[in-house]
Amino acid sequence: MVINMNKKVTKIDLVESIYKETDCERQDIQTVVDQLLVHLKKSLEQGATIELRGFGTFEPRLRKGRACARNPKTGETLSVEPHYIAAFRAGQSLKENLWNLDPAMTRK
């Protein structure tokens, strides 16, 4: 799969790429990709950590609340309660491959 660094990769792009590299039907690939994302989302919402060997780990991470936050659009001061976010940690091989990317190829 060769992807232009100046382009966002969408779910449809992934489905098309898999379709070209396999002999599976587009609809079947679309269903698998959709179901994978649904299950990843549900697992994170239930507080589970998802480890995909060779790729990375998705995990819910607690962000501390703050008493004095500021809305950058309006300048209004407000407080932010502690809350969870979805965090991703790249696996070792992905980190190494990203480390070796040519900076001249980066997106604009």
PDB file of N, CA and C in Angstrom:
ATOM      1  N   MET A   1       0.853  -1.180   0.000  1.00  0.00           N
ATOM      2  CA  MET A   1       0.000   0.000   0.000  1.00  0.00           C
ATOM      3  C   MET A   1       0.893   1.234   0.000  1.00  0.00           C
ATOM      4  N   VAL A   2       0.828   2.016  -1.031  1.00  0.00           N
ATOM      5  CA  VAL A   2       1.609   3.248  -1.131  1.00  0.00           C
ATOM      6  C   VAL A   2       0.648   4.411  -0.978  1.00  0.00           C
ATOM      7  N   ILE A   3       0.979   5.296  -0.025  1.00  0.00           N
ATOM      8  CA  ILE A   3       0.098   6.417   0.258  1.00  0.00           C
ATOM      9  C   ILE A   3       0.892   7.716   0.164  1.00  0.00           C
ATOM     10  N   ASN A   4       0.294   8.688  -0.465  1.00  0.00           N
ATOM     11  CA  ASN A   4       0.881  10.012  -0.571  1.00  0.00           C
ATOM     12  C   ASN A   4       0.880  10.667   0.812  1.00  0.00           C
ATOM     13  N   MET A   5       2.016  11.189   1.236  1.00  0.00           N
ATOM     14  CA  MET A   5       2.129  11.799   2.563  1.00  0.00           C
ATOM     15  C   MET A   5       1.285  13.064   2.703  1.00  0.00           C
ATOM     16  N   ASN A   6       0.869  13.662   1.609  1.00  0.00           N
ATOM     17  CA  ASN A   6       0.092  14.892   1.673  1.00  0.00           C
ATOM     18  C   ASN A   6      -1.404  14.624   1.682  1.00  0.00           C
ATOM     19  N   LYS A   7      -1.808  13.377   1.868  1.00  0.00           N
ATOM     20  CA  LYS A   7      -3.209  13.005   1.782  1.00  0.00           C
ATOM     21  C   LYS A   7      -3.649  12.340   3.076  1.00  0.00           C
ATOM     22  N   LYS A   8      -4.864  12.620   3.478  1.00  0.00           N
ATOM     23  CA  LYS A   8      -5.456  11.892   4.587  1.00  0.00           C
ATOM     24  C   LYS A   8      -5.906  10.543   4.070  1.00  0.00           C
ATOM     25  N   VAL A   9      -5.770   9.512   4.880  1.00  0.00           N
ATOM     26  CA  VAL A   9      -6.242   8.191   4.511  1.00  0.00           C
ATOM     27  C   VAL A   9      -7.578   7.979   5.208  1.00  0.00           C
ATOM     28  N   THR A  10      -8.608   7.704   4.425  1.00  0.00           N
ATOM     29  CA  THR A  10      -9.938   7.497   4.972  1.00  0.00           C
ATOM     30  C   THR A  10     -10.229   6.003   5.073  1.00  0.00           C
ATOM     31  N   LYS A  11     -11.343   5.690   5.702  1.00  0.00           N
ATOM     32  CA  LYS A  11     -11.757   4.301   5.833  1.00  0.00           C
ATOM     33  C   LYS A  11     -11.963   3.685   4.450  1.00  0.00           C
ATOM     34  N   ILE A  12     -12.532   4.439   3.536  1.00  0.00           N
ATOM     35  CA  ILE A  12     -12.745   3.952   2.168  1.00  0.00           C
ATOM     36  C   ILE A  12     -11.411   3.657   1.489  1.00  0.00           C
ATOM     37  N   ASP A  13     -10.409   4.509   1.724  1.00  0.00           N
ATOM     38  CA  ASP A  13      -9.076   4.269   1.161  1.00  0.00           C
ATOM     39  C   ASP A  13      -8.506   2.948   1.668  1.00  0.00           C
ATOM     40  N   LEU A  14      -8.685   2.675   2.944  1.00  0.00           N
ATOM     41  CA  LEU A  14      -8.199   1.419   3.519  1.00  0.00           C
ATOM     42  C   LEU A  14      -8.920   0.227   2.901  1.00  0.00           C
ATOM     43  N   VAL A  15     -10.233   0.336   2.771  1.00  0.00           N
ATOM     44  CA  VAL A  15     -11.022  -0.747   2.176  1.00  0.00           C
ATOM     45  C   VAL A  15     -10.558  -1.000   0.742  1.00  0.00           C
ATOM     46  N   GLU A  16     -10.363   0.051  -0.040  1.00  0.00           N
ATOM     47  CA  GLU A  16      -9.916  -0.090  -1.424  1.00  0.00           C
ATOM     48  C   GLU A  16      -8.540  -0.745  -1.501  1.00  0.00           C
ATOM     49  N   SER A  17      -7.649  -0.344  -0.620  1.00  0.00           N
ATOM     50  CA  SER A  17      -6.303  -0.903  -0.610  1.00  0.00           C
ATOM     51  C   SER A  17      -6.336  -2.398  -0.285  1.00  0.00           C
ATOM     52  N   ILE A  18      -7.126  -2.778   0.706  1.00  0.00           N
ATOM     53  CA  ILE A  18      -7.250  -4.196   1.062  1.00  0.00           C
ATOM     54  C   ILE A  18      -7.891  -4.967  -0.086  1.00  0.00           C
ATOM     55  N   TYR A  19      -8.893  -4.375  -0.717  1.00  0.00           N
ATOM     56  CA  TYR A  19      -9.577  -5.010  -1.846  1.00  0.00           C
ATOM     57  C   TYR A  19      -8.593  -5.314  -2.977  1.00  0.00           C
ATOM     58  N   LYS A  20      -7.710  -4.370  -3.274  1.00  0.00           N
ATOM     59  CA  LYS A  20      -6.745  -4.563  -4.353  1.00  0.00           C
ATOM     60  C   LYS A  20      -5.705  -5.624  -4.024  1.00  0.00           C
ATOM     61  N   GLU A  21      -5.423  -5.821  -2.744  1.00  0.00           N
ATOM     62  CA  GLU A  21      -4.378  -6.766  -2.333  1.00  0.00           C
ATOM     63  C   GLU A  21      -4.919  -8.148  -1.994  1.00  0.00           C
ATOM     64  N   THR A  22      -6.222  -8.311  -1.939  1.00  0.00           N
ATOM     65  CA  THR A  22      -6.814  -9.610  -1.611  1.00  0.00           C
ATOM     66  C   THR A  22      -7.868  -9.963  -2.649  1.00  0.00           C
ATOM     67  N   ASP A  23      -8.438 -11.146  -2.495  1.00  0.00           N
ATOM     68  CA  ASP A  23      -9.516 -11.540  -3.394  1.00  0.00           C
ATOM     69  C   ASP A  23     -10.861 -11.519  -2.669  1.00  0.00           C
ATOM     70  N   CYS A  24     -10.965 -10.706  -1.642  1.00  0.00           N
ATOM     71  CA  CYS A  24     -12.213 -10.556  -0.889  1.00  0.00           C
ATOM     72  C   CYS A  24     -13.099  -9.506  -1.559  1.00  0.00           C
ATOM     73  N   GLU A  25     -14.381  -9.587  -1.294  1.00  0.00           N
ATOM     74  CA  GLU A  25     -15.345  -8.612  -1.822  1.00  0.00           C
ATOM     75  C   GLU A  25     -15.258  -7.304  -1.032  1.00  0.00           C
ATOM     76  N   ARG A  26     -15.490  -6.182  -1.705  1.00  0.00           N
ATOM     77  CA  ARG A  26     -15.455  -4.871  -1.050  1.00  0.00           C
ATOM     78  C   ARG A  26     -16.416  -4.819   0.139  1.00  0.00           C
ATOM     79  N   GLN A  27     -17.632  -5.330  -0.067  1.00  0.00           N
ATOM     80  CA  GLN A  27     -18.649  -5.274   0.989  1.00  0.00           C
ATOM     81  C   GLN A  27     -18.208  -6.049   2.224  1.00  0.00           C
ATOM     82  N   ASP A  28     -17.557  -7.200   2.022  1.00  0.00           N
ATOM     83  CA  ASP A  28     -17.066  -7.990   3.155  1.00  0.00           C
ATOM     84  C   ASP A  28     -15.964  -7.242   3.896  1.00  0.00           C
ATOM     85  N   ILE A  29     -15.068  -6.626   3.150  1.00  0.00           N
ATOM     86  CA  ILE A  29     -13.977  -5.861   3.765  1.00  0.00           C
ATOM     87  C   ILE A  29     -14.552  -4.678   4.543  1.00  0.00           C
ATOM     88  N   GLN A  30     -15.522  -3.988   3.939  1.00  0.00           N
ATOM     89  CA  GLN A  30     -16.171  -2.847   4.599  1.00  0.00           C
ATOM     90  C   GLN A  30     -16.804  -3.283   5.908  1.00  0.00           C
ATOM     91  N   THR A  31     -17.477  -4.431   5.904  1.00  0.00           N
ATOM     92  CA  THR A  31     -18.130  -4.955   7.106  1.00  0.00           C
ATOM     93  C   THR A  31     -17.104  -5.261   8.186  1.00  0.00           C
ATOM     94  N   VAL A  32     -16.000  -5.889   7.817  1.00  0.00           N
ATOM     95  CA  VAL A  32     -14.963  -6.233   8.796  1.00  0.00           C
ATOM     96  C   VAL A  32     -14.344  -4.969   9.388  1.00  0.00           C
ATOM     97  N   VAL A  33     -14.028  -4.001   8.543  1.00  0.00           N
ATOM     98  CA  VAL A  33     -13.426  -2.750   9.033  1.00  0.00           C
ATOM     99  C   VAL A  33     -14.401  -2.031   9.971  1.00  0.00           C
ATOM    100  N   ASP A  34     -15.672  -1.946   9.568  1.00  0.00           N
ATOM    101  CA  ASP A  34     -16.679  -1.292  10.408  1.00  0.00           C
ATOM    102  C   ASP A  34     -16.821  -1.991  11.753  1.00  0.00           C
ATOM    103  N   GLN A  35     -16.886  -3.322  11.734  1.00  0.00           N
ATOM    104  CA  GLN A  35     -17.043  -4.077  12.974  1.00  0.00           C
ATOM    105  C   GLN A  35     -15.813  -3.955  13.869  1.00  0.00           C
ATOM    106  N   LEU A  36     -14.622  -3.935  13.268  1.00  0.00           N
ATOM    107  CA  LEU A  36     -13.397  -3.741  14.042  1.00  0.00           C
ATOM    108  C   LEU A  36     -13.459  -2.414  14.790  1.00  0.00           C
ATOM    109  N   LEU A  37     -13.851  -1.351  14.087  1.00  0.00           N
ATOM    110  CA  LEU A  37     -13.917  -0.032  14.711  1.00  0.00           C
ATOM    111  C   LEU A  37     -14.995   0.036  15.786  1.00  0.00           C
ATOM    112  N   VAL A  38     -16.136  -0.613  15.555  1.00  0.00           N
ATOM    113  CA  VAL A  38     -17.203  -0.649  16.558  1.00  0.00           C
ATOM    114  C   VAL A  38     -16.709  -1.337  17.828  1.00  0.00           C
ATOM    115  N   HIS A  39     -16.023  -2.466  17.661  1.00  0.00           N
ATOM    116  CA  HIS A  39     -15.544  -3.205  18.832  1.00  0.00           C
ATOM    117  C   HIS A  39     -14.408  -2.468  19.550  1.00  0.00           C
ATOM    118  N   LEU A  40     -13.543  -1.801  18.803  1.00  0.00           N
ATOM    119  CA  LEU A  40     -12.506  -0.980  19.439  1.00  0.00           C
ATOM    120  C   LEU A  40     -13.148   0.124  20.273  1.00  0.00           C
ATOM    121  N   LYS A  41     -14.131   0.793  19.699  1.00  0.00           N
ATOM    122  CA  LYS A  41     -14.817   1.880  20.396  1.00  0.00           C
ATOM    123  C   LYS A  41     -15.510   1.376  21.658  1.00  0.00           C
ATOM    124  N   LYS A  42     -16.256   0.282  21.541  1.00  0.00           N
ATOM    125  CA  LYS A  42     -16.967  -0.272  22.707  1.00  0.00           C
ATOM    126  C   LYS A  42     -15.994  -0.678  23.804  1.00  0.00           C
ATOM    127  N   SER A  43     -14.894  -1.295  23.423  1.00  0.00           N
ATOM    128  CA  SER A  43     -13.905  -1.727  24.414  1.00  0.00           C
ATOM    129  C   SER A  43     -13.306  -0.541  25.151  1.00  0.00           C
ATOM    130  N   LEU A  44     -12.965   0.519  24.408  1.00  0.00           N
ATOM    131  CA  LEU A  44     -12.418   1.720  25.054  1.00  0.00           C
ATOM    132  C   LEU A  44     -13.445   2.363  25.978  1.00  0.00           C
ATOM    133  N   GLU A  45     -14.707   2.404  25.536  1.00  0.00           N
ATOM    134  CA  GLU A  45     -15.763   3.000  26.356  1.00  0.00           C
ATOM    135  C   GLU A  45     -15.990   2.228  27.642  1.00  0.00           C
ATOM    136  N   GLN A  46     -15.632   0.940  27.664  1.00  0.00           N
ATOM    137  CA  GLN A  46     -15.776   0.126  28.859  1.00  0.00           C
ATOM    138  C   GLN A  46     -14.508   0.126  29.700  1.00  0.00           C
ATOM    139  N   GLY A  47     -13.501   0.900  29.285  1.00  0.00           N
ATOM    140  CA  GLY A  47     -12.281   1.039  30.066  1.00  0.00           C
ATOM    141  C   GLY A  47     -11.200   0.032  29.738  1.00  0.00           C
ATOM    142  N   ALA A  48     -11.366  -0.741  28.678  1.00  0.00           N
ATOM    143  CA  ALA A  48     -10.384  -1.762  28.310  1.00  0.00           C
ATOM    144  C   ALA A  48      -9.219  -1.143  27.540  1.00  0.00           C
ATOM    145  N   THR A  49      -8.067  -1.792  27.635  1.00  0.00           N
ATOM    146  CA  THR A  49      -6.903  -1.443  26.843  1.00  0.00           C
ATOM    147  C   THR A  49      -6.828  -2.425  25.689  1.00  0.00           C
ATOM    148  N   ILE A  50      -6.606  -1.923  24.483  1.00  0.00           N
ATOM    149  CA  ILE A  50      -6.554  -2.765  23.297  1.00  0.00           C
ATOM    150  C   ILE A  50      -5.126  -2.789  22.790  1.00  0.00           C
ATOM    151  N   GLU A  51      -4.526  -3.967  22.810  1.00  0.00           N
ATOM    152  CA  GLU A  51      -3.146  -4.122  22.358  1.00  0.00           C
ATOM    153  C   GLU A  51      -3.136  -4.853  21.023  1.00  0.00           C
ATOM    154  N   LEU A  52      -2.606  -4.193  20.003  1.00  0.00           N
ATOM    155  CA  LEU A  52      -2.470  -4.787  18.677  1.00  0.00           C
ATOM    156  C   LEU A  52      -0.980  -4.988  18.439  1.00  0.00           C
ATOM    157  N   ARG A  53      -0.516  -6.216  18.643  1.00  0.00           N
ATOM    158  CA  ARG A  53       0.912  -6.512  18.529  1.00  0.00           C
ATOM    159  C   ARG A  53       1.450  -6.089  17.174  1.00  0.00           C
ATOM    160  N   GLY A  54       2.607  -5.459  17.193  1.00  0.00           N
ATOM    161  CA  GLY A  54       3.230  -5.000  15.965  1.00  0.00           C
ATOM    162  C   GLY A  54       2.708  -3.652  15.489  1.00  0.00           C
ATOM    163  N   PHE A  55       1.685  -3.128  16.155  1.00  0.00           N
ATOM    164  CA  PHE A  55       1.125  -1.836  15.752  1.00  0.00           C
ATOM    165  C   PHE A  55       1.160  -0.858  16.911  1.00  0.00           C
ATOM    166  N   GLY A  56       0.408  -1.148  17.977  1.00  0.00           N
ATOM    167  CA  GLY A  56       0.395  -0.253  19.112  1.00  0.00           C
ATOM    168  C   GLY A  56      -0.733  -0.583  20.066  1.00  0.00           C
ATOM    169  N   THR A  57      -0.950   0.306  21.028  1.00  0.00           N
ATOM    170  CA  THR A  57      -1.930   0.096  22.082  1.00  0.00           C
ATOM    171  C   THR A  57      -2.846   1.305  22.193  1.00  0.00           C
ATOM    172  N   PHE A  58      -4.150   1.037  22.213  1.00  0.00           N
ATOM    173  CA  PHE A  58      -5.151   2.057  22.484  1.00  0.00           C
ATOM    174  C   PHE A  58      -5.576   1.885  23.932  1.00  0.00           C
ATOM    175  N   GLU A  59      -5.708   3.002  24.652  1.00  0.00           N
ATOM    176  CA  GLU A  59      -6.116   2.895  26.048  1.00  0.00           C
ATOM    177  C   GLU A  59      -6.872   4.146  26.473  1.00  0.00           C
ATOM    178  N   PRO A  60      -7.821   3.980  27.401  1.00  0.00           N
ATOM    179  CA  PRO A  60      -8.449   5.169  27.974  1.00  0.00           C
ATOM    180  C   PRO A  60      -7.471   5.772  28.986  1.00  0.00           C
ATOM    181  N   ARG A  61      -7.255   7.071  28.909  1.00  0.00           N
ATOM    182  CA  ARG A  61      -6.307   7.724  29.817  1.00  0.00           C
ATOM    183  C   ARG A  61      -7.023   8.862  30.527  1.00  0.00           C
ATOM    184  N   LEU A  62      -6.853   8.925  31.846  1.00  0.00           N
ATOM    185  CA  LEU A  62      -7.499   9.948  32.660  1.00  0.00           C
ATOM    186  C   LEU A  62      -6.735  11.263  32.556  1.00  0.00           C
ATOM    187  N   ARG A  63      -7.450  12.325  32.203  1.00  0.00           N
ATOM    188  CA  ARG A  63      -6.878  13.669  32.203  1.00  0.00           C
ATOM    189  C   ARG A  63      -7.353  14.377  33.452  1.00  0.00           C
ATOM    190  N   LYS A  64      -6.438  15.018  34.120  1.00  0.00           N
ATOM    191  CA  LYS A  64      -6.792  15.734  35.340  1.00  0.00           C
ATOM    192  C   LYS A  64      -7.676  16.934  35.015  1.00  0.00           C
ATOM    193  N   GLY A  65      -8.564  17.230  35.918  1.00  0.00           N
ATOM    194  CA  GLY A  65      -9.387  18.423  35.766  1.00  0.00           C
ATOM    195  C   GLY A  65      -8.582  19.667  36.118  1.00  0.00           C
ATOM    196  N   ARG A  66      -9.098  20.814  35.710  1.00  0.00           N
ATOM    197  CA  ARG A  66      -8.437  22.078  36.027  1.00  0.00           C
ATOM    198  C   ARG A  66      -9.482  23.074  36.464  1.00  0.00           C
ATOM    199  N   ALA A  67      -9.133  23.855  37.463  1.00  0.00           N
ATOM    200  CA  ALA A  67     -10.064  24.859  37.970  1.00  0.00           C
ATOM    201  C   ALA A  67     -10.078  26.104  37.073  1.00  0.00           C
ATOM    202  N   CYS A  68      -8.949  26.418  36.458  1.00  0.00           N
ATOM    203  CA  CYS A  68      -8.858  27.636  35.654  1.00  0.00           C
ATOM    204  C   CYS A  68      -8.433  27.312  34.227  1.00  0.00           C
ATOM    205  N   ALA A  69      -9.366  26.877  33.428  1.00  0.00           N
ATOM    206  CA  ALA A  69      -9.108  26.677  32.007  1.00  0.00           C
ATOM    207  C   ALA A  69      -9.701  27.871  31.264  1.00  0.00           C
ATOM    208  N   ARG A  70      -9.301  28.053  30.012  1.00  0.00           N
ATOM    209  CA  ARG A  70      -9.801  29.180  29.243  1.00  0.00           C
ATOM    210  C   ARG A  70     -10.252  28.695  27.875  1.00  0.00           C
ATOM    211  N   ASN A  71     -11.424  29.134  27.474  1.00  0.00           N
ATOM    212  CA  ASN A  71     -11.924  28.853  26.138  1.00  0.00           C
ATOM    213  C   ASN A  71     -11.167  29.770  25.179  1.00  0.00           C
ATOM    214  N   PRO A  72     -10.338  29.210  24.278  1.00  0.00           N
ATOM    215  CA  PRO A  72      -9.521  30.072  23.417  1.00  0.00           C
ATOM    216  C   PRO A  72     -10.344  30.900  22.429  1.00  0.00           C
ATOM    217  N   LYS A  73     -11.542  30.456  22.112  1.00  0.00           N
ATOM    218  CA  LYS A  73     -12.373  31.189  21.153  1.00  0.00           C
ATOM    219  C   LYS A  73     -13.004  32.417  21.786  1.00  0.00           C
ATOM    220  N   THR A  74     -13.518  32.272  23.015  1.00  0.00           N
ATOM    221  CA  THR A  74     -14.231  33.375  23.659  1.00  0.00           C
ATOM    222  C   THR A  74     -13.430  34.050  24.759  1.00  0.00           C
ATOM    223  N   GLY A  75     -12.380  33.375  25.251  1.00  0.00           N
ATOM    224  CA  GLY A  75     -11.607  33.929  26.358  1.00  0.00           C
ATOM    225  C   GLY A  75     -12.249  33.686  27.710  1.00  0.00           C
ATOM    226  N   GLU A  76     -13.387  33.026  27.710  1.00  0.00           N
ATOM    227  CA  GLU A  76     -14.131  32.759  28.946  1.00  0.00           C
ATOM    228  C   GLU A  76     -13.353  31.779  29.830  1.00  0.00           C
ATOM    229  N   THR A  77     -13.308  32.068  31.130  1.00  0.00           N
ATOM    230  CA  THR A  77     -12.679  31.181  32.096  1.00  0.00           C
ATOM    231  C   THR A  77     -13.705  30.156  32.562  1.00  0.00           C
ATOM    232  N   LEU A  78     -13.270  28.892  32.598  1.00  0.00           N
ATOM    233  CA  LEU A  78     -14.169  27.844  33.038  1.00  0.00           C
ATOM    234  C   LEU A  78     -13.379  26.750  33.727  1.00  0.00           C
ATOM    235  N   SER A  79     -14.083  25.839  34.375  1.00  0.00           N
ATOM    236  CA  SER A  79     -13.411  24.711  35.021  1.00  0.00           C
ATOM    237  C   SER A  79     -13.667  23.464  34.187  1.00  0.00           C
ATOM    238  N   VAL A  80     -12.693  22.558  34.205  1.00  0.00           N
ATOM    239  CA  VAL A  80     -12.793  21.318  33.454  1.00  0.00           C
ATOM    240  C   VAL A  80     -12.705  20.165  34.447  1.00  0.00           C
ATOM    241  N   GLU A  81     -13.702  19.307  34.406  1.00  0.00           N
ATOM    242  CA  GLU A  81     -13.731  18.136  35.286  1.00  0.00           C
ATOM    243  C   GLU A  81     -12.727  17.087  34.795  1.00  0.00           C
ATOM    244  N   PRO A  82     -12.247  16.218  35.688  1.00  0.00           N
ATOM    245  CA  PRO A  82     -11.413  15.103  35.226  1.00  0.00           C
ATOM    246  C   PRO A  82     -12.219  14.259  34.236  1.00  0.00           C
ATOM    247  N   HIS A  83     -11.558  13.788  33.184  1.00  0.00           N
ATOM    248  CA  HIS A  83     -12.254  13.009  32.162  1.00  0.00           C
ATOM    249  C   HIS A  83     -11.268  12.086  31.452  1.00  0.00           C
ATOM    250  N   TYR A  84     -11.812  11.106  30.774  1.00  0.00           N
ATOM    251  CA  TYR A  84     -10.987  10.161  30.035  1.00  0.00           C
ATOM    252  C   TYR A  84     -10.895  10.566  28.564  1.00  0.00           C
ATOM    253  N   ILE A  85      -9.764  10.235  27.963  1.00  0.00           N
ATOM    254  CA  ILE A  85      -9.551  10.424  26.535  1.00  0.00           C
ATOM    255  C   ILE A  85      -9.048   9.104  25.961  1.00  0.00           C
ATOM    256  N   ALA A  86      -9.156   8.939  24.663  1.00  0.00           N
ATOM    257  CA  ALA A  86      -8.579   7.777  23.999  1.00  0.00           C
ATOM    258  C   ALA A  86      -7.135   8.127  23.649  1.00  0.00           C
ATOM    259  N   ALA A  87      -6.205   7.296  24.093  1.00  0.00           N
ATOM    260  CA  ALA A  87      -4.791   7.541  23.835  1.00  0.00           C
ATOM    261  C   ALA A  87      -4.219   6.373  23.043  1.00  0.00           C
ATOM    262  N   PHE A  88      -3.219   6.657  22.228  1.00  0.00           N
ATOM    263  CA  PHE A  88      -2.561   5.631  21.424  1.00  0.00           C
ATOM    264  C   PHE A  88      -1.067   5.682  21.688  1.00  0.00           C
ATOM    265  N   ARG A  89      -0.480   4.514  21.921  1.00  0.00           N
ATOM    266  CA  ARG A  89       0.975   4.387  22.050  1.00  0.00           C
ATOM    267  C   ARG A  89       1.445   3.486  20.931  1.00  0.00           C
ATOM    268  N   ALA A  90       2.324   3.989  20.098  1.00  0.00           N
ATOM    269  CA  ALA A  90       2.833   3.207  18.969  1.00  0.00           C
ATOM    270  C   ALA A  90       3.708   2.067  19.458  1.00  0.00           C
ATOM    271  N   GLY A  91       3.636   0.932  18.762  1.00  0.00           N
ATOM    272  CA  GLY A  91       4.514  -0.201  19.047  1.00  0.00           C
ATOM    273  C   GLY A  91       5.932   0.103  18.596  1.00  0.00           C
ATOM    274  N   GLN A  92       6.871  -0.727  19.041  1.00  0.00           N
ATOM    275  CA  GLN A  92       8.286  -0.476  18.771  1.00  0.00           C
ATOM    276  C   GLN A  92       8.601  -0.408  17.280  1.00  0.00           C
ATOM    277  N   SER A  93       8.092  -1.354  16.493  1.00  0.00           N
ATOM    278  CA  SER A  93       8.427  -1.342  15.063  1.00  0.00           C
ATOM    279  C   SER A  93       7.810  -0.125  14.365  1.00  0.00           C
ATOM    280  N   LEU A  94       6.600   0.266  14.760  1.00  0.00           N
ATOM    281  CA  LEU A  94       5.991   1.468  14.182  1.00  0.00           C
ATOM    282  C   LEU A  94       6.794   2.708  14.549  1.00  0.00           C
ATOM    283  N   LYS A  95       7.235   2.787  15.793  1.00  0.00           N
ATOM    284  CA  LYS A  95       8.066   3.925  16.216  1.00  0.00           C
ATOM    285  C   LYS A  95       9.331   4.020  15.369  1.00  0.00           C
ATOM    286  N   GLU A  96       9.972   2.865  15.173  1.00  0.00           N
ATOM    287  CA  GLU A  96      11.213   2.857  14.390  1.00  0.00           C
ATOM    288  C   GLU A  96      10.958   3.285  12.948  1.00  0.00           C
ATOM    289  N   ASN A  97       9.876   2.787  12.353  1.00  0.00           N
ATOM    290  CA  ASN A  97       9.564   3.149  10.966  1.00  0.00           C
ATOM    291  C   ASN A  97       9.225   4.627  10.840  1.00  0.00           C
ATOM    292  N   LEU A  98       8.511   5.177  11.808  1.00  0.00           N
ATOM    293  CA  LEU A  98       8.192   6.608  11.776  1.00  0.00           C
ATOM    294  C   LEU A  98       9.435   7.461  11.995  1.00  0.00           C
ATOM    295  N   TRP A  99      10.337   6.974  12.842  1.00  0.00           N
ATOM    296  CA  TRP A  99      11.578   7.696  13.121  1.00  0.00           C
ATOM    297  C   TRP A  99      12.383   7.886  11.832  1.00  0.00           C
ATOM    298  N   ASN A 100      12.300   6.902  10.946  1.00  0.00           N
ATOM    299  CA  ASN A 100      13.107   6.927   9.722  1.00  0.00           C
ATOM    300  C   ASN A 100      12.418   7.605   8.540  1.00  0.00           C
ATOM    301  N   LEU A 101      11.246   8.218   8.755  1.00  0.00           N
ATOM    302  CA  LEU A 101      10.575   8.940   7.675  1.00  0.00           C
ATOM    303  C   LEU A 101      11.410  10.136   7.247  1.00  0.00           C
ATOM    304  N   ASP A 102      11.351  10.438   5.960  1.00  0.00           N
ATOM    305  CA  ASP A 102      12.053  11.594   5.414  1.00  0.00           C
ATOM    306  C   ASP A 102      11.258  12.857   5.764  1.00  0.00           C
ATOM    307  N   PRO A 103      11.829  13.796   6.523  1.00  0.00           N
ATOM    308  CA  PRO A 103      11.107  15.028   6.882  1.00  0.00           C
ATOM    309  C   PRO A 103      10.639  15.836   5.682  1.00  0.00           C
ATOM    310  N   ALA A 104      11.282  15.684   4.538  1.00  0.00           N
ATOM    311  CA  ALA A 104      10.872  16.424   3.348  1.00  0.00           C
ATOM    312  C   ALA A 104       9.540  15.933   2.812  1.00  0.00           C
ATOM    313  N   MET A 105       9.094  14.735   3.236  1.00  0.00           N
ATOM    314  CA  MET A 105       7.846  14.153   2.749  1.00  0.00           C
ATOM    315  C   MET A 105       6.652  14.522   3.610  1.00  0.00           C
ATOM    316  N   THR A 106       6.829  15.245   4.698  1.00  0.00           N
ATOM    317  CA  THR A 106       5.752  15.489   5.642  1.00  0.00           C
ATOM    318  C   THR A 106       4.629  16.310   5.035  1.00  0.00           C
ATOM    319  N   ARG A 107       3.433  16.147   5.633  1.00  0.00           N
ATOM    320  CA  ARG A 107       2.241  16.849   5.166  1.00  0.00           C
ATOM    321  C   ARG A 107       2.352  18.342   5.399  1.00  0.00           C
ATOM    322  N   LYS A 108       1.589  19.067   4.617  1.00  0.00           N
ATOM    323  CA  LYS A 108       1.552  20.529   4.768  1.00  0.00           C
ATOM    324  C   LYS A 108       0.299  20.925   5.474  1.00  0.00           C
TER     325      LYS A 108
END
